[in-house]
C-alpha atoms as a PDB file:
ATOM      1  CA  MET A   1     -22.282  11.826   5.477  1.00  0.00           C
ATOM      2  CA  ASN A   2     -20.799  11.897   8.983  1.00  0.00           C
ATOM      3  CA  ASN A   3     -18.976  15.234   9.286  1.00  0.00           C
ATOM      4  CA  ASP A   4     -17.365  14.106  12.506  1.00  0.00           C
ATOM      5  CA  LEU A   5     -14.986  11.792  10.607  1.00  0.00           C
ATOM      6  CA  ILE A   6     -12.468  12.148   7.797  1.00  0.00           C
ATOM      7  CA  PHE A   7     -12.905   9.467   5.158  1.00  0.00           C
ATOM      8  CA  LEU A   8      -9.804   7.935   3.576  1.00  0.00           C
ATOM      9  CA  GLY A   9      -9.242   5.061   1.198  1.00  0.00           C
ATOM     10  CA  GLU A  10      -6.200   2.941   2.104  1.00  0.00           C
ATOM     11  CA  ASP A  11      -4.598   0.319  -0.121  1.00  0.00           C
ATOM     12  CA  LEU A  12      -2.082  -1.797   1.828  1.00  0.00           C
ATOM     13  CA  GLY A  13      -0.166  -2.617  -1.368  1.00  0.00           C
ATOM     14  CA  MET A  14       3.014  -4.704  -1.353  1.00  0.00           C
ATOM     15  CA  GLY A  15       4.492  -2.387  -3.961  1.00  0.00           C
ATOM     16  CA  ALA A  16       3.123   0.916  -2.690  1.00  0.00           C
ATOM     17  CA  ASN A  17       0.883   2.112   0.131  1.00  0.00           C
ATOM     18  CA  LYS A  18      -1.839   4.303  -1.408  1.00  0.00           C
ATOM     19  CA  LEU A  19      -4.079   6.810   0.363  1.00  0.00           C
ATOM     20  CA  TYR A  20      -6.924   8.776  -1.168  1.00  0.00           C
ATOM     21  CA  GLY A  21      -9.214  11.339   0.384  1.00  0.00           C
ATOM     22  CA  LEU A  22     -11.229  14.444  -0.277  1.00  0.00           C
ATOM     23  CA  HIS A  23      -8.145  16.589  -0.977  1.00  0.00           C
ATOM     24  CA  GLY A  24      -6.393  14.108  -3.242  1.00  0.00           C
ATOM     25  CA  GLY A  25      -4.224  11.023  -3.289  1.00  0.00           C
ATOM     26  CA  LEU A  26      -0.693   9.960  -2.508  1.00  0.00           C
ATOM     27  CA  GLN A  27       1.357   6.766  -2.758  1.00  0.00           C
ATOM     28  CA  THR A  28       4.346   5.801  -0.709  1.00  0.00           C
ATOM     29  CA  LEU A  29       6.558   3.002  -1.962  1.00  0.00           C
ATOM     30  CA  SER A  30       6.282  -0.053   0.323  1.00  0.00           C
ATOM     31  CA  GLN A  31       9.969  -0.165   1.080  1.00  0.00           C
ATOM     32  CA  VAL A  32      11.081  -0.466   4.679  1.00  0.00           C
ATOM     33  CA  SER A  33      14.425  -1.109   6.309  1.00  0.00           C
ATOM     34  CA  ILE A  34      15.640  -1.513   9.866  1.00  0.00           C
ATOM     35  CA  ASN A  35      17.672   1.492  10.946  1.00  0.00           C
ATOM     36  CA  GLY A  36      20.733  -0.417  12.076  1.00  0.00           C
ATOM     37  CA  SER A  37      23.584   1.673  10.663  1.00  0.00           C
ATOM     38  CA  GLN A  38      25.132   5.055  11.319  1.00  0.00           C
ATOM     39  CA  LYS A  39      24.948   7.840   8.725  1.00  0.00           C
ATOM     40  CA  ILE A  40      28.186   8.798   6.999  1.00  0.00           C
ATOM     41  CA  GLY A  41      28.291  12.565   6.880  1.00  0.00           C
ATOM     42  CA  GLN A  42      30.614  13.621   4.069  1.00  0.00           C
ATOM     43  CA  MET A  43      32.085  11.640   1.176  1.00  0.00           C
ATOM     44  CA  LEU A  44      34.397  13.876  -0.807  1.00  0.00           C
ATOM     45  CA  GLY A  45      33.658  13.767  -4.512  1.00  0.00           C
ATOM     46  CA  LEU A  46      30.155  12.260  -4.061  1.00  0.00           C
ATOM     47  CA  ARG A  47      26.828  13.959  -3.813  1.00  0.00           C
ATOM     48  CA  ASN A  48      25.078  13.888  -0.454  1.00  0.00           C
ATOM     49  CA  LYS A  49      21.840  11.922  -0.575  1.00  0.00           C
ATOM     50  CA  LYS A  50      18.808  12.866   1.488  1.00  0.00           C
ATOM     51  CA  PRO A  51      17.752  10.009   3.777  1.00  0.00           C
ATOM     52  CA  PRO A  52      14.259   8.546   3.463  1.00  0.00           C
ATOM     53  CA  LEU A  53      11.567   9.174   6.041  1.00  0.00           C
ATOM     54  CA  HIS A  54      12.549   7.898   9.460  1.00  0.00           C
ATOM     55  CA  ILE A  55       9.724   6.438  11.580  1.00  0.00           C
ATOM     56  CA  SER A  56      10.229   5.815  15.293  1.00  0.00           C
ATOM     57  CA  ALA A  57       7.546   4.070  17.314  1.00  0.00           C
ATOM     58  CA  THR A  58       7.190   1.660  20.220  1.00  0.00           C
ATOM     59  CA  ASN A  59       7.900  -1.278  17.885  1.00  0.00           C
ATOM     60  CA  GLY A  60      11.199   0.053  16.579  1.00  0.00           C
ATOM     61  CA  ASP A  61      12.965   2.484  14.219  1.00  0.00           C
ATOM     62  CA  PHE A  62      12.549   2.193  10.479  1.00  0.00           C
ATOM     63  CA  TYR A  63      13.272   3.961   7.234  1.00  0.00           C
ATOM     64  CA  VAL A  64      10.272   3.911   4.880  1.00  0.00           C
ATOM     65  CA  GLY A  65       9.492   4.830   1.317  1.00  0.00           C
ATOM     66  CA  ALA A  66      11.646   5.341  -1.737  1.00  0.00           C
ATOM     67  CA  GLY A  67      15.302   4.642  -1.132  1.00  0.00           C
ATOM     68  CA  ALA A  68      14.728   2.985   2.281  1.00  0.00           C
ATOM     69  CA  HIS A  69      16.674  -0.114   1.202  1.00  0.00           C
ATOM     70  CA  ASP A  70      19.788   2.017   0.671  1.00  0.00           C
ATOM     71  CA  TRP A  71      19.846   3.134   4.282  1.00  0.00           C
ATOM     72  CA  GLY A  72      19.331   0.028   6.392  1.00  0.00           C
ATOM     73  CA  ARG A  73      18.668  -3.702   6.258  1.00  0.00           C
ATOM     74  CA  PRO A  74      15.749  -4.316   3.894  1.00  0.00           C
ATOM     75  CA  VAL A  75      12.666  -5.989   5.362  1.00  0.00           C
ATOM     76  CA  GLU A  76      10.752  -7.776   2.584  1.00  0.00           C
ATOM     77  CA  ASN A  77       8.068  -9.985   3.993  1.00  0.00           C
ATOM     78  CA  LEU A  78       5.516 -10.552   1.217  1.00  0.00           C
ATOM     79  CA  ASP A  79       3.434 -13.015   3.212  1.00  0.00           C
ATOM     80  CA  TYR A  80      -0.170 -12.046   3.846  1.00  0.00           C
ATOM     81  CA  GLU A  81       0.490 -12.254   7.566  1.00  0.00           C
ATOM     82  CA  ARG A  82       2.236  -8.898   7.124  1.00  0.00           C
ATOM     83  CA  LEU A  83      -1.157  -7.282   6.667  1.00  0.00           C
ATOM     84  CA  ASN A  84      -2.202  -8.361  10.154  1.00  0.00           C
ATOM     85  CA  GLY A  85      -0.068  -5.711  11.825  1.00  0.00           C
ATOM     86  CA  SER A  86       3.611  -6.697  11.528  1.00  0.00           C
ATOM     87  CA  SER A  87       6.097  -4.067  12.657  1.00  0.00           C
ATOM     88  CA  GLU A  88       7.087  -3.141   9.127  1.00  0.00           C
ATOM     89  CA  MET A  89       3.456  -2.856   8.010  1.00  0.00           C
ATOM     90  CA  GLN A  90       2.689  -0.467  10.856  1.00  0.00           C
ATOM     91  CA  ALA A  91       5.812   1.560   9.980  1.00  0.00           C
ATOM     92  CA  LEU A  92       4.704   1.789   6.348  1.00  0.00           C
ATOM     93  CA  PHE A  93       1.213   2.904   7.372  1.00  0.00           C
ATOM     94  CA  LYS A  94       2.607   5.575   9.634  1.00  0.00           C
ATOM     95  CA  GLY A  95       4.976   6.661   6.885  1.00  0.00           C
ATOM     96  CA  ALA A  96       2.197   6.953   4.372  1.00  0.00           C
ATOM     97  CA  ILE A  97      -0.006   8.894   6.782  1.00  0.00           C
ATOM     98  CA  THR A  98       2.918  11.205   7.528  1.00  0.00           C
ATOM     99  CA  ARG A  99       3.505  12.009   3.848  1.00  0.00           C
ATOM    100  CA  TYR A 100      -0.236  12.553   3.357  1.00  0.00           C
ATOM    101  CA  MET A 101      -0.418  15.048   6.220  1.00  0.00           C
ATOM    102  CA  GLN A 102       2.730  16.809   5.045  1.00  0.00           C
ATOM    103  CA  ARG A 103       1.071  17.373   1.664  1.00  0.00           C
ATOM    104  CA  TYR A 104      -2.541  18.067   2.635  1.00  0.00           C
ATOM    105  CA  GLY A 105      -2.381  19.146   6.268  1.00  0.00           C
ATOM    106  CA  GLU A 106      -2.904  17.456   9.643  1.00  0.00           C
ATOM    107  CA  PHE A 107      -6.168  15.726  10.480  1.00  0.00           C
ATOM    108  CA  ASP A 108      -8.445  17.660  12.812  1.00  0.00           C
ATOM    109  CA  ARG A 109     -10.921  14.750  13.364  1.00  0.00           C
ATOM    110  CA  PRO A 110     -10.743  10.966  13.683  1.00  0.00           C
ATOM    111  CA  LEU A 111     -10.430   8.901  10.514  1.00  0.00           C
ATOM    112  CA  SER A 112     -12.718   6.417   8.837  1.00  0.00           C
ATOM    113  CA  LEU A 113     -10.611   4.100   6.724  1.00  0.00           C
ATOM    114  CA  THR A 114     -11.816   1.899   3.853  1.00  0.00           C
ATOM    115  CA  VAL A 115      -9.010  -0.620   3.426  1.00  0.00           C
ATOM    116  CA  GLY A 116      -8.366  -2.530   0.235  1.00  0.00           C
ATOM    117  CA  MET A 117      -6.914  -6.006   0.628  1.00  0.00           C
ATOM    118  CA  PRO A 118      -5.968  -8.836  -1.743  1.00  0.00           C
ATOM    119  CA  LEU A 119      -8.664 -11.373  -2.516  1.00  0.00           C
ATOM    120  CA  GLU A 120      -6.813 -14.435  -1.145  1.00  0.00           C
ATOM    121  CA  PRO A 121      -6.919 -13.518   2.578  1.00  0.00           C
ATOM    122  CA  LEU A 122     -10.589 -12.504   2.148  1.00  0.00           C
ATOM    123  CA  LYS A 123     -11.611 -15.979   0.990  1.00  0.00           C
ATOM    124  CA  GLY A 124     -11.897 -19.285   2.797  1.00  0.00           C
ATOM    125  CA  ASP A 125     -12.253 -20.275   6.411  1.00  0.00           C
ATOM    126  CA  ASP A 126      -9.864 -17.583   7.726  1.00  0.00           C
ATOM    127  CA  ALA A 127     -11.449 -14.640   5.900  1.00  0.00           C
ATOM    128  CA  LYS A 128     -13.322 -13.224   8.901  1.00  0.00           C
ATOM    129  CA  GLU A 129     -10.334 -13.561  11.195  1.00  0.00           C
ATOM    130  CA  ASN A 130      -8.037 -11.913   8.632  1.00  0.00           C
ATOM    131  CA  SER A 131     -10.414  -8.961   8.342  1.00  0.00           C
ATOM    132  CA  ALA A 132     -10.679  -8.748  12.108  1.00  0.00           C
ATOM    133  CA  ALA A 133      -6.919  -8.816  12.530  1.00  0.00           C
ATOM    134  CA  VAL A 134      -6.478  -5.846  10.215  1.00  0.00           C
ATOM    135  CA  LYS A 135      -9.211  -3.900  11.979  1.00  0.00           C
ATOM    136  CA  ARG A 136      -7.627  -4.634  15.401  1.00  0.00           C
ATOM    137  CA  TRP A 137      -4.269  -3.029  14.660  1.00  0.00           C
ATOM    138  CA  MET A 138      -5.532  -0.171  12.458  1.00  0.00           C
ATOM    139  CA  GLN A 139      -8.366   1.036  14.702  1.00  0.00           C
ATOM    140  CA  GLY A 140      -7.508   3.252  17.662  1.00  0.00           C
ATOM    141  CA  VAL A 141      -4.844   5.864  18.426  1.00  0.00           C
ATOM    142  CA  HIS A 142      -1.486   5.771  16.636  1.00  0.00           C
ATOM    143  CA  GLU A 143       1.506   7.774  17.960  1.00  0.00           C
ATOM    144  CA  TRP A 144       5.011   7.987  16.441  1.00  0.00           C
ATOM    145  CA  GLU A 145       7.821  10.287  15.447  1.00  0.00           C
ATOM    146  CA  ALA A 146       8.598  11.139  11.818  1.00  0.00           C
ATOM    147  CA  ASP A 147      12.105  12.547  11.367  1.00  0.00           C
ATOM    148  CA  GLY A 148      11.919  13.461  15.063  1.00  0.00           C
ATOM    149  CA  VAL A 149       8.555  15.215  14.849  1.00  0.00           C
ATOM    150  CA  PRO A 150       5.781  13.798  17.069  1.00  0.00           C
ATOM    151  CA  MET A 151       2.720  12.591  15.178  1.00  0.00           C
ATOM    152  CA  ARG A 152      -0.680  11.359  16.285  1.00  0.00           C
ATOM    153  CA  ILE A 153      -3.914  10.184  14.641  1.00  0.00           C
ATOM    154  CA  GLU A 154      -7.038   8.403  15.759  1.00  0.00           C
ATOM    155  CA  VAL A 155      -8.772   5.848  13.522  1.00  0.00           C
ATOM    156  CA  ALA A 156     -12.420   5.599  14.601  1.00  0.00           C
ATOM    157  CA  GLU A 157     -13.521   2.896  12.199  1.00  0.00           C
ATOM    158  CA  VAL A 158     -12.123   0.499   9.626  1.00  0.00           C
ATOM    159  CA  LYS A 159     -14.010  -1.052   6.721  1.00  0.00           C
ATOM    160  CA  ILE A 160     -12.550  -3.859   4.585  1.00  0.00           C
ATOM    161  CA  THR A 161     -12.999  -4.357   0.880  1.00  0.00           C
ATOM    162  CA  SER A 162     -11.031  -6.128  -1.865  1.00  0.00           C
ATOM    163  CA  GLN A 163      -8.549  -4.415  -4.155  1.00  0.00           C
ATOM    164  CA  PRO A 164     -10.354  -5.466  -7.390  1.00  0.00           C
ATOM    165  CA  VAL A 165     -13.580  -3.877  -6.125  1.00  0.00           C
ATOM    166  CA  GLY A 166     -11.582  -0.727  -5.540  1.00  0.00           C
ATOM    167  CA  ALA A 167     -10.353  -0.896  -9.115  1.00  0.00           C
ATOM    168  CA  LEU A 168     -13.959  -1.219 -10.336  1.00  0.00           C
ATOM    169  CA  PHE A 169     -15.143   1.865  -8.486  1.00  0.00           C
ATOM    170  CA  ASP A 170     -12.047   3.790  -9.552  1.00  0.00           C
ATOM    171  CA  HIS A 171     -13.313   3.212 -13.103  1.00  0.00           C
ATOM    172  CA  LEU A 172     -16.939   4.016 -12.357  1.00  0.00           C
ATOM    173  CA  LEU A 173     -16.718   7.041 -10.046  1.00  0.00           C
ATOM    174  CA  ASP A 174     -15.323  10.509 -10.410  1.00  0.00           C
ATOM    175  CA  GLU A 175     -13.172  12.284  -7.745  1.00  0.00           C
ATOM    176  CA  GLN A 176     -16.340  13.456  -5.951  1.00  0.00           C
ATOM    177  CA  GLY A 177     -17.667   9.896  -5.657  1.00  0.00           C
ATOM    178  CA  SER A 178     -20.378  10.290  -8.268  1.00  0.00           C
ATOM    179  CA  LEU A 179     -21.011   7.822 -11.071  1.00  0.00           C
ATOM    180  CA  ILE A 180     -19.507   8.849 -14.371  1.00  0.00           C
ATOM    181  CA  ALA A 181     -22.487   9.110 -16.730  1.00  0.00           C
ATOM    182  CA  ALA A 182     -20.756   7.487 -19.694  1.00  0.00           C
ATOM    183  CA  ARG A 183     -19.870   4.429 -17.550  1.00  0.00           C
ATOM    184  CA  GLN A 184     -22.981   4.120 -15.413  1.00  0.00           C
ATOM    185  CA  SER A 185     -24.619   1.458 -17.580  1.00  0.00           C
ATOM    186  CA  ALA A 186     -21.628  -0.837 -17.157  1.00  0.00           C
ATOM    187  CA  PHE A 187     -22.419  -1.337 -13.476  1.00  0.00           C
ATOM    188  CA  LYS A 188     -25.792  -2.872 -14.404  1.00  0.00           C
ATOM    189  CA  LYS A 189     -24.296  -5.250 -16.958  1.00  0.00           C
ATOM    190  CA  GLU A 190     -21.279  -7.507 -16.741  1.00  0.00           C
ATOM    191  CA  VAL A 191     -17.821  -6.142 -15.969  1.00  0.00           C
ATOM    192  CA  GLY A 192     -14.548  -7.994 -15.808  1.00  0.00           C
ATOM    193  CA  ILE A 193     -11.663  -6.673 -13.686  1.00  0.00           C
ATOM    194  CA  ILE A 194      -8.050  -7.819 -13.948  1.00  0.00           C
ATOM    195  CA  SER A 195      -6.012  -6.296 -11.086  1.00  0.00           C
ATOM    196  CA  ILE A 196      -2.264  -6.707 -11.447  1.00  0.00           C
ATOM    197  CA  GLY A 197      -0.363  -5.679  -8.348  1.00  0.00           C
ATOM    198  CA  PHE A 198       3.188  -6.100  -6.996  1.00  0.00           C
ATOM    199  CA  ASN A 199       2.422  -9.403  -5.391  1.00  0.00           C
ATOM    200  CA  THR A 200      -0.879 -10.554  -6.870  1.00  0.00           C
ATOM    201  CA  VAL A 201      -2.861 -11.028 -10.031  1.00  0.00           C
ATOM    202  CA  GLU A 202      -6.639 -10.974  -9.294  1.00  0.00           C
ATOM    203  CA  LEU A 203      -9.748 -11.578 -11.377  1.00  0.00           C
ATOM    204  CA  LEU A 204     -13.263 -10.366 -10.618  1.00  0.00           C
ATOM    205  CA  VAL A 205     -16.471 -10.448 -12.619  1.00  0.00           C
ATOM    206  CA  VAL A 206     -19.423  -8.325 -11.539  1.00  0.00           C
ATOM    207  CA  ARG A 207     -22.844  -8.935 -13.030  1.00  0.00           C
ATOM    208  CA  ASP A 208     -25.850  -6.737 -12.136  1.00  0.00           C
ATOM    209  CA  LYS A 209     -23.880  -5.285  -9.152  1.00  0.00           C
ATOM    210  CA  GLN A 210     -23.037  -8.754  -7.790  1.00  0.00           C
ATOM    211  CA  SER A 211     -19.753 -10.646  -7.869  1.00  0.00           C
ATOM    212  CA  VAL A 212     -19.731 -13.909  -9.870  1.00  0.00           C
ATOM    213  CA  GLN A 213     -17.962 -16.338  -7.554  1.00  0.00           C
ATOM    214  CA  ARG A 214     -16.937 -18.686 -10.407  1.00  0.00           C
ATOM    215  CA  PHE A 215     -14.819 -15.960 -11.935  1.00  0.00           C
ATOM    216  CA  THR A 216     -13.400 -14.486  -8.756  1.00  0.00           C
ATOM    217  CA  ALA A 217      -9.858 -15.593  -8.048  1.00  0.00           C
ATOM    218  CA  GLY A 218      -6.410 -14.396  -7.017  1.00  0.00           C
ATOM    219  CA  ALA A 219      -2.883 -15.729  -7.393  1.00  0.00           C
ATOM    220  CA  THR A 220       0.351 -14.772  -5.679  1.00  0.00           C
ATOM    221  CA  SER A 221       2.402 -13.504  -8.593  1.00  0.00           C
ATOM    222  CA  GLY A 222       2.274  -9.981 -10.005  1.00  0.00           C
ATOM    223  CA  VAL A 223       5.193  -7.652 -10.765  1.00  0.00           C
ATOM    224  CA  ARG A 224       7.234  -9.431  -8.093  1.00  0.00           C
ATOM    225  CA  ARG A 225       7.657 -12.400 -10.484  1.00  0.00           C
ATOM    226  CA  LEU A 226       9.299 -10.210 -13.148  1.00  0.00           C
ATOM    227  CA  LEU A 227      11.719  -8.773 -10.600  1.00  0.00           C
ATOM    228  CA  GLU A 228      12.656 -12.245  -9.362  1.00  0.00           C
ATOM    229  CA  ILE A 229      13.481 -13.336 -12.913  1.00  0.00           C
ATOM    230  CA  VAL A 230      15.919 -10.470 -13.497  1.00  0.00           C
ATOM    231  CA  ASN A 231      17.439 -10.642 -10.039  1.00  0.00           C
ATOM    232  CA  HIS A 232      20.392 -12.899 -10.885  1.00  0.00           C
ATOM    233  CA  GLY A 233      22.190 -14.151  -7.819  1.00  0.00           C
ATOM    234  CA  GLN A 234      19.711 -12.342  -5.530  1.00  0.00           C
ATOM    235  CA  MET A 235      22.073  -9.350  -5.523  1.00  0.00           C
ATOM    236  CA  TYR A 236      19.339  -6.759  -5.051  1.00  0.00           C
ATOM    237  CA  SER A 237      16.273  -6.363  -2.926  1.00  0.00           C
ATOM    238  CA  LEU A 238      12.931  -6.417  -4.795  1.00  0.00           C
ATOM    239  CA  GLY A 239      12.423  -2.852  -3.646  1.00  0.00           C
ATOM    240  CA  GLU A 240      15.600  -1.717  -5.345  1.00  0.00           C
ATOM    241  CA  LEU A 241      14.594  -3.384  -8.593  1.00  0.00           C
ATOM    242  CA  ASP A 242      11.084  -1.984  -8.300  1.00  0.00           C
ATOM    243  CA  SER A 243      12.536   1.535  -8.083  1.00  0.00           C
ATOM    244  CA  ARG A 244      14.506   0.879 -11.246  1.00  0.00           C
ATOM    245  CA  LEU A 245      11.399  -0.382 -12.998  1.00  0.00           C
ATOM    246  CA  ARG A 246       9.376   2.666 -12.011  1.00  0.00           C
ATOM    247  CA  ALA A 247      12.185   4.904 -13.251  1.00  0.00           C
ATOM    248  CA  GLY A 248      12.395   3.033 -16.564  1.00  0.00           C
ATOM    249  CA  ARG A 249      15.937   1.833 -15.906  1.00  0.00           C
ATOM    250  CA  LEU A 250      15.356  -1.930 -15.374  1.00  0.00           C
ATOM    251  CA  ASP A 251      16.859  -4.220 -18.025  1.00  0.00           C
ATOM    252  CA  MET A 252      14.061  -6.714 -18.733  1.00  0.00           C
ATOM    253  CA  ARG A 253      15.395  -8.278 -21.928  1.00  0.00           C
ATOM    254  CA  GLU A 254      16.088 -11.676 -20.390  1.00  0.00           C
ATOM    255  CA  ALA A 255      12.604 -11.835 -18.839  1.00  0.00           C
ATOM    256  CA  LEU A 256      10.765 -11.214 -22.101  1.00  0.00           C
ATOM    257  CA  PRO A 257       9.852 -14.157 -24.438  1.00  0.00           C
END
């Protein structure tokens, strides 16, 4: 293993941005808003609410993470083009890295990122260009301010994989990256993976360590579809409803058969 690099797994999820490394994992809700309003200091009779993480970079000022949609204008672009380095995607990445360093300590070496992406942009004629676009914006030096504190990282290399493959190895490997003995035989047989995300439902079959193309597919649906059904009159952002769902406070009776 190259000791000159720090290895991190990065899932650019539409519902949550997930990072996992040697010291552990962390997820940051993929909620971002444009910081276009002033804070109101005191509201007599109401509790003060701590603002979400504020990210300031050359491409703008954003709130990111849980509660971001309560503090500015929500930005909810669920198109795959977002993965190619949109302003909100970069803000979410910086926010997730910030939270990771706050929990586990700052990085003392450049990073090697293995990035999980949905299947759809990794298939077809544009697959190579989509992968290259992600590598272009993620690789290199990133500088920003998080709640006014200067931050800096260097990403030395970026490797691309699919999210269902990540789910497979999450099942097969332990936290040290070794095969779990009780599951080792499954990798040599036939394994089916159903990956349900915020914006996608993906299927993958692996036989004898190789993907079976006939049973590899992805569709733009996922948890987002449930939130759209219960969002009568489009009164809430999907991020607000997602927070309710995660907290167990979302009324889903009308969405159920």
